[in-house]
Amino acid sequence: MDIAVIGGGASGLAAALAARESLDNRVTVFERQNRVGRKLLATGNGRCNLTNRGASLAHYHGRDPGFAGPALARFGPEETLRWFASLGLVTTTEPSGRVYPVSDTAGSVVDVLRLALEARGGGTVCAMPIARAGRRDGRFLLTGPAGEEYTCDKLIVACGGAAGARLGGVLSGYELLGAFGHRRTELRPSLVQLKTDNTWTRPLKGVRTQAQISLEQDGTILAAADGEIQFTDYGVSGPAAYDISRATSLAGPGCTVCVRLLPELEKVDIISYLSAKRNDFPDYKAENILTGALHNSIARAVLRRAGIPLDARLWALSDGALELIADTLIRYELPLTGTLGFDDAQVTAGGVETAGFDPETMESRLVPGLYACGEVLDIDGDCGGYNLQWAWSSGRLAGLAAGGLLEDDA
């Protein structure tokens, strides 16, 4: 049986390897870039956070997040790690549950996938964007940019999403599936940097800190996360900012990003700390009252926002001034203006409607023999390895189903 996979990213390679587990299946991967796995090389800042041991449906989004359940149940984090171990990849797990290759480079992940596909006789055709897909004489017909034609019995669309355009993010998957009658939802960037009024972030450009960050509108918290943030000249970046970016992309006007600095301390603890500094070091300048607690640049920004002169002596600060400092630490407010776009996003929120596919096989309900997996579908995960886990899970399920191997999969 001839099986074609459009897209040589994470889900496409997983699908191709799964389908090729039967030597009766001839598998060819068509990749528009000059090499497979280019976007994969950039994940996790080049380290490749390939899964998270805590992956569960609670970490996934879309109109129907439950669609991801069968794939994750069949091929979850532990099955994924055993699979990668069988390909020769050695991994390490961080306390957060994030899993990385021991080599600390995404190239190791791409290489074990690429070499395994070659060893199993799978074919790859790179620099070959598929312009059109249709049916002819009971088979799928794929057309290349110069009119090249390829036919296959089963077709797996694993083109990825619109995110990361500089690394290969495209709309072609939506268009190819649309030609078969599938519809998509609205697309928005996710796991992306936040844009805010930069009056109070530009002076802190490049500074990182642990914080609680929330997205608020009319007194309602729309999303919240704990972790590292990084201030930028346009707003806020970092893992915690990425975690609330999906909600930010969906939010309407009038939202505020609230950063809680020193998140491990309650207000009473902060005031106690500030009072002790005032009592123990009365001749310190005010700019030093948070020395030892925060990055000096953040401390100065907090004092300026609280209206405290940096050169005031601590003995001159009233209890009310200390409370202003504490309140600013608890609510460092940044009016939201939006997010960066798809070029900078790691993931696409939205995609081809999952209602058109069988979650037990990833096969189209409209066109027998047509499958889809990975980011092209309306499933996206939180920051922390969840999106790659969806790619492995859905890709393997699609490949096994297309290859007639589901009953043999443990």
Protein backbone atom coordinates (compact mmCIF):
# COMPACT_ATOMS: atom_id res chain seq x y z
CA MET A 1 0.00 0.00 0.00
CA ASP A 2 1.32 3.47 -0.91
CA ILE A 3 1.05 6.05 1.89
CA ALA A 4 2.00 9.69 1.45
CA VAL A 5 2.67 12.05 4.34
CA ILE A 6 2.57 15.77 3.59
CA GLY A 7 4.85 17.45 6.11
CA GLY A 8 8.16 16.31 7.56
CA GLY A 9 7.76 17.82 11.01
CA ALA A 10 7.16 16.09 14.34
CA SER A 11 3.72 14.63 13.59
CA GLY A 12 4.60 13.76 10.00
CA LEU A 13 7.75 11.85 10.95
CA ALA A 14 5.89 10.03 13.73
CA ALA A 15 3.16 9.08 11.25
CA ALA A 16 5.64 7.88 8.63
CA LEU A 17 7.58 5.73 11.11
CA ALA A 18 4.37 4.19 12.43
CA ALA A 19 3.04 3.36 8.96
CA ARG A 20 6.38 1.85 7.94
CA GLU A 21 6.23 -0.65 10.81
CA SER A 22 4.69 -2.89 8.17
CA LEU A 23 7.10 -3.52 5.31
CA ASP A 24 4.08 -3.96 3.06
CA ASN A 25 3.53 -0.19 3.28
CA ARG A 26 5.52 2.10 1.00
CA VAL A 27 5.78 5.44 2.79
CA THR A 28 6.90 8.76 1.33
CA VAL A 29 7.21 12.05 3.21
CA PHE A 30 6.86 15.25 1.18
CA GLU A 31 8.50 18.23 2.87
CA ARG A 32 8.42 21.78 1.52
CA GLN A 33 11.69 22.75 3.24
CA ASN A 34 15.15 21.59 2.20
CA ARG A 35 15.27 19.20 5.16
CA VAL A 36 12.85 17.53 7.51
CA GLY A 37 12.32 18.70 11.09
CA ARG A 38 13.38 22.32 10.69
CA LYS A 39 10.76 23.71 13.08
CA LEU A 40 11.52 20.88 15.48
CA LEU A 41 15.14 22.08 15.65
CA ALA A 42 13.98 25.39 17.15
CA THR A 43 11.72 23.99 19.88
CA GLY A 44 12.65 24.56 23.51
CA ASN A 45 15.15 27.23 22.46
CA GLY A 46 16.99 24.57 20.50
CA ARG A 47 16.89 22.02 23.33
CA CYS A 48 13.63 20.32 22.25
CA ASN A 49 11.21 19.90 25.13
CA LEU A 50 9.86 16.72 23.54
CA THR A 51 7.14 15.87 26.07
CA ASN A 52 5.91 16.42 29.60
CA ARG A 53 5.29 13.53 31.98
CA GLY A 54 2.23 15.37 33.28
CA ALA A 55 0.50 15.54 29.91
CA SER A 56 -3.27 15.21 30.27
CA LEU A 57 -6.36 16.64 28.61
CA ALA A 58 -6.35 19.52 31.09
CA HIS A 59 -3.39 20.96 29.18
CA TYR A 60 -5.09 21.02 25.77
CA HIS A 61 -7.43 23.48 24.09
CA GLY A 62 -9.70 23.84 21.08
CA ARG A 63 -13.43 23.67 20.45
CA ASP A 64 -13.31 20.02 21.56
CA PRO A 65 -10.16 19.30 23.61
CA GLY A 66 -11.55 15.83 24.34
CA PHE A 67 -10.76 14.90 20.75
CA ALA A 68 -7.14 14.47 21.85
CA GLY A 69 -8.07 11.85 24.46
CA PRO A 70 -7.82 8.61 22.43
CA ALA A 71 -4.46 9.51 20.89
CA LEU A 72 -2.99 10.55 24.26
CA ALA A 73 -4.38 7.43 25.94
CA ARG A 74 -2.87 5.15 23.31
CA PHE A 75 0.46 6.92 23.03
CA GLY A 76 1.09 9.10 26.08
CA PRO A 77 4.35 10.38 27.58
CA GLU A 78 5.61 7.04 28.86
CA GLU A 79 4.90 5.26 25.57
CA THR A 80 6.54 8.17 23.76
CA LEU A 81 9.70 7.91 25.83
CA ARG A 82 9.92 4.15 25.32
CA TRP A 83 9.52 4.73 21.58
CA PHE A 84 12.29 7.33 21.50
CA ALA A 85 14.51 5.03 23.59
CA SER A 86 13.98 2.31 20.98
CA LEU A 87 15.27 4.79 18.38
CA GLY A 88 18.38 5.46 20.46
CA LEU A 89 17.47 8.76 22.11
CA VAL A 90 18.59 9.22 25.72
CA THR A 91 16.45 11.67 27.68
CA THR A 92 16.34 13.45 31.01
CA THR A 93 13.34 14.70 32.99
CA GLU A 94 13.36 17.99 34.87
CA PRO A 95 11.44 18.46 38.17
CA SER A 96 8.71 20.28 36.22
CA GLY A 97 8.05 17.11 34.21
CA ARG A 98 9.57 18.53 31.04
CA VAL A 99 11.65 16.01 29.12
CA TYR A 100 14.71 16.89 27.03
CA PRO A 101 17.38 14.90 25.18
CA VAL A 102 20.47 14.39 27.35
CA SER A 103 22.47 15.98 24.55
CA ASP A 104 20.50 19.17 25.23
CA THR A 105 20.10 19.74 21.51
CA ALA A 106 17.04 19.35 19.31
CA GLY A 107 19.26 18.02 16.55
CA SER A 108 19.47 14.70 18.40
CA VAL A 109 15.68 14.28 18.22
CA VAL A 110 15.52 15.14 14.53
CA ASP A 111 18.44 12.84 13.75
CA VAL A 112 17.05 9.74 15.45
CA LEU A 113 13.75 10.21 13.63
CA ARG A 114 15.37 10.87 10.27
CA LEU A 115 17.83 7.98 10.54
CA ALA A 116 15.15 5.55 11.74
CA LEU A 117 12.94 6.42 8.77
CA GLU A 118 15.84 5.92 6.38
CA ALA A 119 16.78 2.61 8.02
CA ARG A 120 13.21 1.36 7.69
CA GLY A 121 13.05 2.23 4.02
CA GLY A 122 10.81 5.28 4.25
CA GLY A 123 11.28 7.84 1.52
CA THR A 124 11.58 11.60 1.81
CA VAL A 125 11.18 14.18 -0.94
CA CYS A 126 12.38 17.55 0.34
CA ALA A 127 11.96 20.99 -1.22
CA MET A 128 8.64 19.71 -2.53
CA PRO A 129 5.63 21.77 -1.42
CA ILE A 130 2.43 20.03 -2.45
CA ALA A 131 0.34 22.60 -4.30
CA ARG A 132 -2.87 20.56 -4.67
CA ALA A 133 -4.36 17.27 -3.51
CA GLY A 134 -7.37 15.48 -4.91
CA ARG A 135 -8.68 12.12 -6.11
CA ARG A 136 -8.20 10.33 -9.43
CA ASP A 137 -9.18 6.78 -10.33
CA GLY A 138 -9.78 5.84 -6.70
CA ARG A 139 -6.36 7.10 -5.51
CA PHE A 140 -5.10 10.34 -4.06
CA LEU A 141 -3.34 12.63 -6.52
CA LEU A 142 -0.73 15.08 -5.26
CA THR A 143 0.57 17.86 -7.46
CA GLY A 144 3.88 19.63 -6.92
CA PRO A 145 4.71 23.26 -7.72
CA ALA A 146 5.92 22.48 -11.26
CA GLY A 147 3.08 20.10 -12.04
CA GLU A 148 4.80 16.97 -10.72
CA GLU A 149 2.26 14.26 -9.92
CA TYR A 150 2.33 11.58 -7.24
CA THR A 151 -0.38 9.09 -6.36
CA CYS A 152 -1.05 7.11 -3.20
CA ASP A 153 -3.65 4.89 -1.56
CA LYS A 154 -3.67 6.71 1.78
CA LEU A 155 -2.85 10.34 2.51
CA ILE A 156 -1.78 11.85 5.84
CA VAL A 157 -1.79 15.66 6.10
CA ALA A 158 0.73 16.75 8.73
CA CYS A 159 1.65 20.22 7.47
CA GLY A 160 1.63 21.94 10.84
CA GLY A 161 0.05 25.32 11.50
CA ALA A 162 0.54 28.98 10.72
CA ALA A 163 2.88 29.64 13.67
CA GLY A 164 6.59 30.16 13.13
CA ALA A 165 6.39 31.27 9.51
CA ARG A 166 10.13 31.93 9.34
CA LEU A 167 10.75 28.27 10.23
CA GLY A 168 8.11 26.77 7.98
CA GLY A 169 4.70 27.68 9.38
CA VAL A 170 2.24 27.68 6.50
CA LEU A 171 -1.45 27.71 5.60
CA SER A 172 -1.12 24.88 3.08
CA GLY A 173 -2.48 22.18 5.38
CA TYR A 174 -5.70 24.08 5.91
CA GLU A 175 -6.00 24.65 2.16
CA LEU A 176 -5.30 21.02 1.24
CA LEU A 177 -7.87 19.72 3.72
CA GLY A 178 -10.28 22.47 2.71
CA ALA A 179 -10.20 21.11 -0.84
CA PHE A 180 -11.61 17.86 0.55
CA GLY A 181 -14.47 19.70 2.27
CA HIS A 182 -12.97 20.23 5.73
CA ARG A 183 -13.49 23.58 7.47
CA ARG A 184 -11.25 25.36 9.94
CA THR A 185 -11.75 27.66 12.89
CA GLU A 186 -10.26 31.13 13.27
CA LEU A 187 -6.48 31.01 13.67
CA ARG A 188 -4.67 32.92 16.40
CA PRO A 189 -1.06 32.94 17.62
CA SER A 190 -0.40 31.09 20.87
CA LEU A 191 2.67 30.56 23.06
CA VAL A 192 3.75 34.01 21.97
CA GLN A 193 5.08 37.18 23.55
CA LEU A 194 2.66 39.75 25.00
CA LYS A 195 2.53 43.36 23.85
CA THR A 196 1.72 45.96 26.49
CA ASP A 197 2.10 49.65 27.14
CA ASN A 198 5.89 49.60 27.36
CA THR A 199 6.38 52.60 29.63
CA TRP A 200 7.28 50.31 32.51
CA THR A 201 8.81 47.42 30.55
CA ARG A 202 11.22 49.13 28.16
CA PRO A 203 13.61 50.22 30.97
CA LEU A 204 13.68 46.56 32.10
CA LYS A 205 14.41 45.08 28.68
CA GLY A 206 16.10 41.69 29.06
CA VAL A 207 15.53 41.37 32.82
CA ARG A 208 14.11 38.02 33.97
CA THR A 209 12.36 37.20 37.23
CA GLN A 210 10.03 34.67 38.81
CA ALA A 211 6.51 36.02 39.09
CA GLN A 212 2.80 35.37 38.98
CA ILE A 213 1.21 36.84 35.87
CA SER A 214 -2.47 37.22 35.09
CA LEU A 215 -4.70 38.57 32.36
CA GLU A 216 -7.56 40.63 33.78
CA GLN A 217 -10.58 42.35 32.29
CA ASP A 218 -13.12 44.35 34.28
CA GLY A 219 -11.93 42.76 37.51
CA THR A 220 -12.15 39.20 36.17
CA ILE A 221 -9.05 37.02 35.84
CA LEU A 222 -9.14 35.44 32.38
CA ALA A 223 -5.89 33.47 32.75
CA ALA A 224 -3.02 33.18 35.20
CA ALA A 225 0.35 31.44 35.43
CA ASP A 226 3.40 31.18 37.66
CA GLY A 227 6.97 31.05 36.44
CA GLU A 228 9.69 33.02 34.74
CA ILE A 229 8.91 36.18 32.81
CA GLN A 230 11.20 38.43 30.83
CA PHE A 231 10.55 42.12 30.32
CA THR A 232 11.01 43.39 26.78
CA ASP A 233 10.93 46.70 24.94
CA TYR A 234 7.41 45.85 23.73
CA GLY A 235 5.95 44.02 26.75
CA VAL A 236 6.51 40.66 28.42
CA SER A 237 7.98 37.33 27.28
CA GLY A 238 9.03 34.12 29.02
CA PRO A 239 7.30 30.81 29.85
CA ALA A 240 4.67 32.28 32.20
CA ALA A 241 3.73 34.91 29.62
CA TYR A 242 3.41 32.19 26.97
CA ASP A 243 1.05 30.30 29.27
CA ILE A 244 -1.49 33.13 29.24
CA SER A 245 -0.91 34.14 25.62
CA ARG A 246 -3.67 31.94 24.21
CA ALA A 247 -6.24 33.74 26.35
CA THR A 248 -4.60 37.03 25.40
CA SER A 249 -5.05 36.29 21.68
CA LEU A 250 -8.74 35.61 22.28
CA ALA A 251 -9.37 38.54 24.63
CA GLY A 252 -11.14 41.71 23.65
CA PRO A 253 -10.06 45.30 24.38
CA GLY A 254 -9.60 46.70 27.86
CA CYS A 255 -7.39 43.97 29.32
CA THR A 256 -4.51 44.40 31.72
CA VAL A 257 -1.52 42.17 32.37
CA CYS A 258 -0.86 42.09 36.12
CA VAL A 259 2.52 40.93 37.36
CA ARG A 260 2.93 39.93 40.99
CA LEU A 261 6.56 40.29 41.97
CA LEU A 262 7.87 38.37 45.01
CA PRO A 263 4.92 35.97 44.54
CA GLU A 264 5.95 33.77 47.45
CA LEU A 265 5.28 36.60 49.92
CA GLU A 266 1.92 37.90 51.12
CA LYS A 267 1.42 41.64 51.60
CA VAL A 268 1.96 41.40 55.35
CA ASP A 269 5.27 39.62 54.74
CA ILE A 270 6.40 42.25 52.24
CA ILE A 271 5.58 45.10 54.63
CA SER A 272 7.41 43.28 57.41
CA TYR A 273 10.46 42.93 55.15
CA LEU A 274 10.36 46.61 54.18
CA SER A 275 9.89 47.71 57.80
CA ALA A 276 12.85 45.63 58.92
CA LYS A 277 15.02 47.22 56.21
CA ARG A 278 13.93 50.70 57.35
CA ASN A 279 14.64 49.89 60.97
CA ASP A 280 17.97 48.12 60.43
CA PHE A 281 19.41 50.41 57.73
CA PRO A 282 17.77 53.82 58.21
CA ASP A 283 20.48 55.67 56.24
CA TYR A 284 20.10 53.52 53.12
CA LYS A 285 18.75 55.25 50.06
CA ALA A 286 15.25 54.13 49.06
CA GLU A 287 16.62 52.56 45.88
CA ASN A 288 18.29 49.94 48.11
CA ILE A 289 15.23 48.92 50.12
CA LEU A 290 14.61 45.90 47.86
CA THR A 291 18.28 44.97 47.44
CA GLY A 292 18.55 41.24 48.00
CA ALA A 293 14.93 40.64 47.07
CA LEU A 294 14.69 41.79 43.45
CA HIS A 295 16.85 42.64 40.47
CA ASN A 296 18.03 46.21 41.04
CA SER A 297 16.42 47.47 37.81
CA ILE A 298 13.03 46.04 38.82
CA ALA A 299 13.39 47.49 42.32
CA ARG A 300 13.99 50.97 40.92
CA ALA A 301 11.04 50.64 38.52
CA VAL A 302 8.76 49.60 41.40
CA LEU A 303 9.84 52.59 43.48
CA ARG A 304 9.28 55.00 40.59
CA ARG A 305 5.79 53.60 40.00
CA ALA A 306 5.04 53.95 43.70
CA GLY A 307 6.19 57.59 43.58
CA ILE A 308 9.10 57.08 45.97
CA PRO A 309 12.20 59.25 45.33
CA LEU A 310 15.17 56.91 44.79
CA ASP A 311 17.48 59.08 46.89
CA ALA A 312 15.14 59.38 49.88
CA ARG A 313 16.52 57.90 53.09
CA LEU A 314 14.72 54.90 54.53
CA TRP A 315 14.17 56.62 57.87
CA ALA A 316 12.09 59.22 56.00
CA LEU A 317 9.69 56.67 54.47
CA SER A 318 6.29 56.54 56.17
CA ASP A 319 4.26 53.41 56.77
CA GLY A 320 2.02 54.60 53.94
CA ALA A 321 5.02 54.73 51.58
CA LEU A 322 5.94 51.16 52.49
CA GLU A 323 2.38 50.09 51.75
CA LEU A 324 2.54 51.77 48.33
CA ILE A 325 5.70 49.82 47.54
CA ALA A 326 4.04 46.57 48.66
CA ASP A 327 0.93 47.27 46.57
CA THR A 328 3.07 47.94 43.49
CA LEU A 329 4.95 44.69 44.00
CA ILE A 330 1.65 42.82 44.22
CA ARG A 331 0.10 44.55 41.18
CA TYR A 332 2.62 45.71 38.60
CA GLU A 333 0.00 46.61 36.01
CA LEU A 334 0.67 46.70 32.27
CA PRO A 335 -2.20 47.66 29.92
CA LEU A 336 -2.43 45.04 27.17
CA THR A 337 -2.15 46.04 23.52
CA GLY A 338 -2.03 42.54 21.97
CA THR A 339 0.51 39.84 21.14
CA LEU A 340 3.23 39.41 18.60
CA GLY A 341 2.12 37.63 15.43
CA PHE A 342 2.43 34.20 13.85
CA ASP A 343 6.06 34.82 12.88
CA ASP A 344 6.99 34.78 16.57
CA ALA A 345 4.39 32.30 17.86
CA GLN A 346 5.36 28.75 18.75
CA VAL A 347 1.89 27.31 18.22
CA THR A 348 -1.34 28.02 16.34
CA ALA A 349 -4.56 28.22 18.34
CA GLY A 350 -7.36 26.97 16.11
CA GLY A 351 -7.19 24.78 13.03
CA VAL A 352 -9.15 22.30 10.98
CA GLU A 353 -12.34 21.32 12.82
CA THR A 354 -11.86 18.06 14.68
CA ALA A 355 -15.53 17.16 14.21
CA GLY A 356 -14.59 16.11 10.70
CA PHE A 357 -12.23 13.37 11.94
CA ASP A 358 -12.48 10.17 13.95
CA PRO A 359 -10.46 10.61 17.17
CA GLU A 360 -9.84 6.84 17.36
CA THR A 361 -8.02 6.79 14.01
CA MET A 362 -7.49 10.42 12.86
CA GLU A 363 -9.27 9.47 9.63
CA SER A 364 -11.50 11.94 7.83
CA ARG A 365 -15.22 11.39 8.23
CA LEU A 366 -15.67 12.94 4.78
CA VAL A 367 -13.00 11.19 2.69
CA PRO A 368 -11.99 7.58 3.47
CA GLY A 369 -8.23 7.11 3.43
CA LEU A 370 -7.51 10.74 4.31
CA TYR A 371 -5.92 11.45 7.71
CA ALA A 372 -4.71 14.54 9.57
CA CYS A 373 -2.53 14.96 12.65
CA GLY A 374 -0.61 17.51 14.67
CA GLU A 375 -0.97 21.27 14.68
CA VAL A 376 -3.08 21.47 11.51
CA LEU A 377 -6.03 20.30 13.63
CA ASP A 378 -7.87 22.47 16.15
CA ILE A 379 -5.91 21.18 19.16
CA ASP A 380 -3.17 23.16 20.91
CA GLY A 381 -1.43 22.67 24.22
CA ASP A 382 0.10 24.67 27.02
CA CYS A 383 3.77 25.58 27.14
CA GLY A 384 5.98 22.79 28.45
CA GLY A 385 6.18 19.91 25.95
CA TYR A 386 2.44 19.38 25.52
CA ASN A 387 2.28 20.40 21.87
CA LEU A 388 5.04 18.01 20.82
CA GLN A 389 3.33 15.26 22.78
CA TRP A 390 0.19 15.91 20.72
CA ALA A 391 2.29 15.72 17.57
CA TRP A 392 3.77 12.33 18.53
CA SER A 393 0.44 10.95 19.76
CA SER A 394 -1.71 12.06 16.84
CA GLY A 395 0.98 11.33 14.26
CA ARG A 396 1.57 7.80 15.45
CA LEU A 397 -2.17 7.12 15.62
CA ALA A 398 -2.67 8.40 12.07
CA GLY A 399 0.26 6.37 10.77
CA LEU A 400 -0.86 3.14 12.40
CA ALA A 401 -4.42 3.60 11.20
CA ALA A 402 -3.40 4.44 7.64
CA GLY A 403 -1.02 1.49 7.62
CA GLY A 404 -3.64 -0.97 8.87
CA LEU A 405 -1.67 -1.57 12.07
CA LEU A 406 -3.86 -0.33 14.91
CA GLU A 407 -4.77 -3.77 16.12
CA ASP A 408 -1.06 -4.59 16.51
CA ASP A 409 -0.19 -1.45 18.47
CA ALA A 410 0.49 -2.07 22.17
